[in-house]
Amino acid sequence: MDEDIKPLDVDGVGATVAGTAAWAVALVVLWLLRDSLVAAGNGWWIWVAFAGFVLGLLAIAYTVRRRAVYRKAREESPEIVSDRPSGGDEVES
């Protein structure tokens, strides 16, 4: 039965897109509340959300490129069944 189980195609793109979207929503909400944030001395929160959003964009670019490299490697070597870099090259028996 275990032979029928295939590894998930987990490449991190979905997670980075979701995280970046969450930072974008936080940035918009904080921007709308900026007057009260600045009055309370918490204006720096906007910059935290901005930094999270920008880093998320960089992470999306990285994970999309990494996914393409892994898929290309899998096409060139079909015996590799895992996209995980730390999982090693598992060969089907």
N, C-alpha and C. Protein backbone atom coordinates (compact mmCIF):
# COMPACT_ATOMS: atom_id res chain seq x y z
N MET A 1 0.82 -1.19 0.00
CA MET A 1 0.00 0.00 0.00
C MET A 1 0.87 1.26 0.00
N ASP A 2 2.00 1.25 0.69
CA ASP A 2 2.88 2.42 0.74
C ASP A 2 3.48 2.74 -0.62
N GLU A 3 3.55 1.74 -1.50
CA GLU A 3 4.14 1.98 -2.81
C GLU A 3 3.26 2.88 -3.67
N ASP A 4 1.96 2.95 -3.35
CA ASP A 4 1.03 3.76 -4.13
C ASP A 4 1.06 5.23 -3.75
N ILE A 5 1.69 5.56 -2.65
CA ILE A 5 1.71 6.94 -2.16
C ILE A 5 2.82 7.71 -2.86
N LYS A 6 2.45 8.80 -3.50
CA LYS A 6 3.42 9.66 -4.18
C LYS A 6 3.71 10.88 -3.29
N PRO A 7 4.92 11.40 -3.34
CA PRO A 7 5.22 12.59 -2.54
C PRO A 7 4.46 13.82 -3.07
N LEU A 8 4.14 14.71 -2.17
CA LEU A 8 3.48 15.96 -2.57
C LEU A 8 4.43 16.83 -3.36
N ASP A 9 3.87 17.61 -4.26
CA ASP A 9 4.67 18.56 -5.03
C ASP A 9 4.70 19.87 -4.23
N VAL A 10 5.47 19.88 -3.16
CA VAL A 10 5.53 21.03 -2.27
C VAL A 10 6.73 21.88 -2.67
N ASP A 11 6.44 23.06 -3.21
CA ASP A 11 7.53 23.90 -3.69
C ASP A 11 7.62 25.24 -2.96
N GLY A 12 6.69 25.54 -2.09
CA GLY A 12 6.76 26.76 -1.31
C GLY A 12 6.14 27.97 -1.96
N VAL A 13 5.75 27.88 -3.23
CA VAL A 13 5.19 29.04 -3.91
C VAL A 13 3.87 29.46 -3.28
N GLY A 14 3.01 28.51 -3.02
CA GLY A 14 1.70 28.83 -2.43
C GLY A 14 1.83 29.49 -1.06
N ALA A 15 2.75 28.98 -0.27
CA ALA A 15 2.95 29.55 1.07
C ALA A 15 3.50 30.97 0.99
N THR A 16 4.42 31.21 0.08
CA THR A 16 4.99 32.57 -0.02
C THR A 16 3.97 33.54 -0.59
N VAL A 17 3.14 33.09 -1.51
CA VAL A 17 2.08 33.96 -2.05
C VAL A 17 1.08 34.31 -0.95
N ALA A 18 0.69 33.31 -0.16
CA ALA A 18 -0.26 33.56 0.93
C ALA A 18 0.33 34.52 1.96
N GLY A 19 1.58 34.30 2.33
CA GLY A 19 2.21 35.18 3.31
C GLY A 19 2.37 36.61 2.80
N THR A 20 2.73 36.74 1.53
CA THR A 20 2.88 38.07 0.94
C THR A 20 1.53 38.78 0.86
N ALA A 21 0.49 38.03 0.53
CA ALA A 21 -0.86 38.63 0.50
C ALA A 21 -1.28 39.10 1.89
N ALA A 22 -0.94 38.32 2.91
CA ALA A 22 -1.27 38.73 4.28
C ALA A 22 -0.54 40.02 4.66
N TRP A 23 0.74 40.14 4.28
CA TRP A 23 1.48 41.37 4.56
C TRP A 23 0.90 42.54 3.77
N ALA A 24 0.43 42.29 2.54
CA ALA A 24 -0.18 43.36 1.74
C ALA A 24 -1.46 43.86 2.40
N VAL A 25 -2.28 42.94 2.89
CA VAL A 25 -3.51 43.34 3.59
C VAL A 25 -3.17 44.13 4.85
N ALA A 26 -2.18 43.65 5.60
CA ALA A 26 -1.77 44.37 6.81
C ALA A 26 -1.27 45.76 6.47
N LEU A 27 -0.52 45.89 5.39
CA LEU A 27 0.00 47.19 4.97
C LEU A 27 -1.13 48.15 4.64
N VAL A 28 -2.13 47.68 3.91
CA VAL A 28 -3.26 48.54 3.54
C VAL A 28 -4.03 48.98 4.79
N VAL A 29 -4.30 48.03 5.67
CA VAL A 29 -5.04 48.36 6.90
C VAL A 29 -4.26 49.36 7.75
N LEU A 30 -2.97 49.11 7.92
CA LEU A 30 -2.16 50.02 8.72
C LEU A 30 -2.03 51.40 8.06
N TRP A 31 -1.98 51.42 6.73
CA TRP A 31 -1.92 52.70 6.03
C TRP A 31 -3.20 53.50 6.26
N LEU A 32 -4.33 52.82 6.27
CA LEU A 32 -5.59 53.50 6.53
C LEU A 32 -5.67 54.02 7.96
N LEU A 33 -4.98 53.37 8.87
CA LEU A 33 -4.99 53.77 10.28
C LEU A 33 -3.75 54.56 10.68
N ARG A 34 -3.00 55.06 9.69
CA ARG A 34 -1.70 55.67 9.97
C ARG A 34 -1.77 56.87 10.92
N ASP A 35 -2.82 57.69 10.82
CA ASP A 35 -2.91 58.87 11.70
C ASP A 35 -2.98 58.46 13.17
N SER A 36 -3.81 57.48 13.47
CA SER A 36 -3.92 57.04 14.85
C SER A 36 -2.67 56.27 15.29
N LEU A 37 -2.03 55.56 14.37
CA LEU A 37 -0.79 54.85 14.71
C LEU A 37 0.32 55.83 15.05
N VAL A 38 0.47 56.86 14.23
CA VAL A 38 1.51 57.87 14.47
C VAL A 38 1.24 58.60 15.78
N ALA A 39 -0.02 58.91 16.05
CA ALA A 39 -0.38 59.60 17.29
C ALA A 39 -0.04 58.75 18.52
N ALA A 40 -0.14 57.44 18.37
CA ALA A 40 0.16 56.54 19.49
C ALA A 40 1.63 56.15 19.53
N GLY A 41 2.42 56.65 18.59
CA GLY A 41 3.84 56.32 18.56
C GLY A 41 4.15 54.98 17.90
N ASN A 42 3.20 54.47 17.14
CA ASN A 42 3.38 53.17 16.50
C ASN A 42 3.43 53.27 14.97
N GLY A 43 3.89 54.38 14.46
CA GLY A 43 3.99 54.56 13.02
C GLY A 43 4.94 53.58 12.36
N TRP A 44 5.86 53.06 13.12
CA TRP A 44 6.83 52.10 12.57
C TRP A 44 6.17 50.80 12.14
N TRP A 45 4.98 50.51 12.62
CA TRP A 45 4.28 49.29 12.22
C TRP A 45 4.07 49.26 10.70
N ILE A 46 3.84 50.41 10.11
CA ILE A 46 3.66 50.49 8.66
C ILE A 46 4.91 49.99 7.95
N TRP A 47 6.06 50.38 8.46
CA TRP A 47 7.33 49.96 7.84
C TRP A 47 7.57 48.47 8.01
N VAL A 48 7.12 47.90 9.11
CA VAL A 48 7.24 46.46 9.31
C VAL A 48 6.41 45.71 8.26
N ALA A 49 5.17 46.18 8.05
CA ALA A 49 4.32 45.55 7.05
C ALA A 49 4.89 45.75 5.65
N PHE A 50 5.45 46.91 5.38
CA PHE A 50 6.06 47.17 4.08
C PHE A 50 7.25 46.25 3.85
N ALA A 51 8.08 46.09 4.87
CA ALA A 51 9.24 45.21 4.75
C ALA A 51 8.79 43.76 4.53
N GLY A 52 7.77 43.31 5.24
CA GLY A 52 7.24 41.96 5.05
C GLY A 52 6.72 41.75 3.65
N PHE A 53 6.05 42.75 3.10
CA PHE A 53 5.53 42.67 1.74
C PHE A 53 6.67 42.59 0.72
N VAL A 54 7.67 43.45 0.86
CA VAL A 54 8.79 43.45 -0.09
C VAL A 54 9.58 42.15 0.00
N LEU A 55 9.84 41.69 1.20
CA LEU A 55 10.54 40.40 1.35
C LEU A 55 9.72 39.25 0.79
N GLY A 56 8.41 39.35 0.93
CA GLY A 56 7.53 38.34 0.34
C GLY A 56 7.62 38.31 -1.17
N LEU A 57 7.70 39.48 -1.80
CA LEU A 57 7.86 39.54 -3.26
C LEU A 57 9.17 38.87 -3.69
N LEU A 58 10.22 39.13 -2.93
CA LEU A 58 11.50 38.49 -3.23
C LEU A 58 11.40 36.97 -3.05
N ALA A 59 10.69 36.55 -2.02
CA ALA A 59 10.52 35.12 -1.77
C ALA A 59 9.71 34.45 -2.87
N ILE A 60 8.71 35.14 -3.39
CA ILE A 60 7.94 34.58 -4.50
C ILE A 60 8.84 34.38 -5.71
N ALA A 61 9.64 35.39 -6.03
CA ALA A 61 10.55 35.27 -7.17
C ALA A 61 11.50 34.09 -6.96
N TYR A 62 12.02 33.94 -5.76
CA TYR A 62 12.97 32.86 -5.46
C TYR A 62 12.29 31.49 -5.59
N THR A 63 11.12 31.34 -4.98
CA THR A 63 10.48 30.02 -4.98
C THR A 63 9.98 29.63 -6.37
N VAL A 64 9.53 30.60 -7.16
CA VAL A 64 9.10 30.29 -8.52
C VAL A 64 10.30 29.82 -9.35
N ARG A 65 11.42 30.51 -9.20
CA ARG A 65 12.63 30.11 -9.94
C ARG A 65 13.10 28.73 -9.47
N ARG A 66 13.08 28.50 -8.16
CA ARG A 66 13.51 27.20 -7.62
C ARG A 66 12.60 26.08 -8.12
N ARG A 67 11.30 26.35 -8.16
CA ARG A 67 10.36 25.34 -8.66
C ARG A 67 10.67 24.98 -10.11
N ALA A 68 10.97 26.00 -10.92
CA ALA A 68 11.29 25.75 -12.33
C ALA A 68 12.55 24.90 -12.46
N VAL A 69 13.54 25.19 -11.65
CA VAL A 69 14.80 24.42 -11.69
C VAL A 69 14.54 22.97 -11.29
N TYR A 70 13.76 22.75 -10.22
CA TYR A 70 13.47 21.39 -9.77
C TYR A 70 12.68 20.63 -10.82
N ARG A 71 11.70 21.28 -11.44
CA ARG A 71 10.90 20.60 -12.45
C ARG A 71 11.74 20.25 -13.67
N LYS A 72 12.63 21.14 -14.05
CA LYS A 72 13.50 20.86 -15.19
C LYS A 72 14.41 19.68 -14.87
N ALA A 73 14.94 19.65 -13.65
CA ALA A 73 15.81 18.54 -13.25
C ALA A 73 15.04 17.23 -13.24
N ARG A 74 13.78 17.27 -12.81
CA ARG A 74 12.97 16.06 -12.78
C ARG A 74 12.68 15.57 -14.20
N GLU A 75 12.45 16.50 -15.13
CA GLU A 75 12.21 16.10 -16.52
C GLU A 75 13.46 15.47 -17.13
N GLU A 76 14.62 15.99 -16.78
CA GLU A 76 15.87 15.46 -17.32
C GLU A 76 16.27 14.15 -16.67
N SER A 77 15.88 13.95 -15.41
CA SER A 77 16.18 12.71 -14.68
C SER A 77 14.88 12.18 -14.09
N PRO A 78 14.10 11.44 -14.85
CA PRO A 78 12.79 11.00 -14.37
C PRO A 78 12.84 10.06 -13.17
N GLU A 79 14.01 9.50 -12.85
CA GLU A 79 14.07 8.61 -11.68
C GLU A 79 13.99 9.37 -10.37
N ILE A 80 14.18 10.68 -10.40
CA ILE A 80 14.06 11.51 -9.19
C ILE A 80 12.58 11.77 -8.97
N VAL A 81 12.08 11.40 -7.79
CA VAL A 81 10.65 11.55 -7.52
C VAL A 81 10.36 12.65 -6.52
N SER A 82 11.36 13.31 -6.00
CA SER A 82 11.14 14.32 -4.97
C SER A 82 11.69 15.66 -5.41
N ASP A 83 10.91 16.75 -5.14
CA ASP A 83 11.36 18.10 -5.43
C ASP A 83 12.08 18.72 -4.24
N ARG A 84 12.10 18.01 -3.12
CA ARG A 84 12.67 18.59 -1.91
C ARG A 84 14.18 18.56 -1.97
N PRO A 85 14.84 19.75 -1.79
CA PRO A 85 16.29 19.78 -1.86
C PRO A 85 16.96 19.02 -0.73
N SER A 86 16.34 18.97 0.44
CA SER A 86 16.96 18.29 1.58
C SER A 86 16.56 16.82 1.65
N GLY A 87 15.62 16.40 0.82
CA GLY A 87 15.14 15.04 0.88
C GLY A 87 16.04 14.07 0.15
N GLY A 88 17.00 14.58 -0.57
CA GLY A 88 17.90 13.71 -1.31
C GLY A 88 17.24 13.24 -2.59
N ASP A 89 17.99 12.51 -3.36
CA ASP A 89 17.49 11.98 -4.62
C ASP A 89 16.98 10.57 -4.39
N GLU A 90 15.68 10.46 -4.21
CA GLU A 90 15.09 9.16 -3.99
C GLU A 90 14.81 8.53 -5.33
N VAL A 91 15.19 7.28 -5.47
CA VAL A 91 15.02 6.58 -6.73
C VAL A 91 13.95 5.53 -6.56
N GLU A 92 13.05 5.46 -7.55
CA GLU A 92 12.01 4.45 -7.51
C GLU A 92 12.63 3.07 -7.70
N SER A 93 12.06 2.08 -7.01
CA SER A 93 12.56 0.70 -7.15
C SER A 93 11.63 -0.10 -8.02
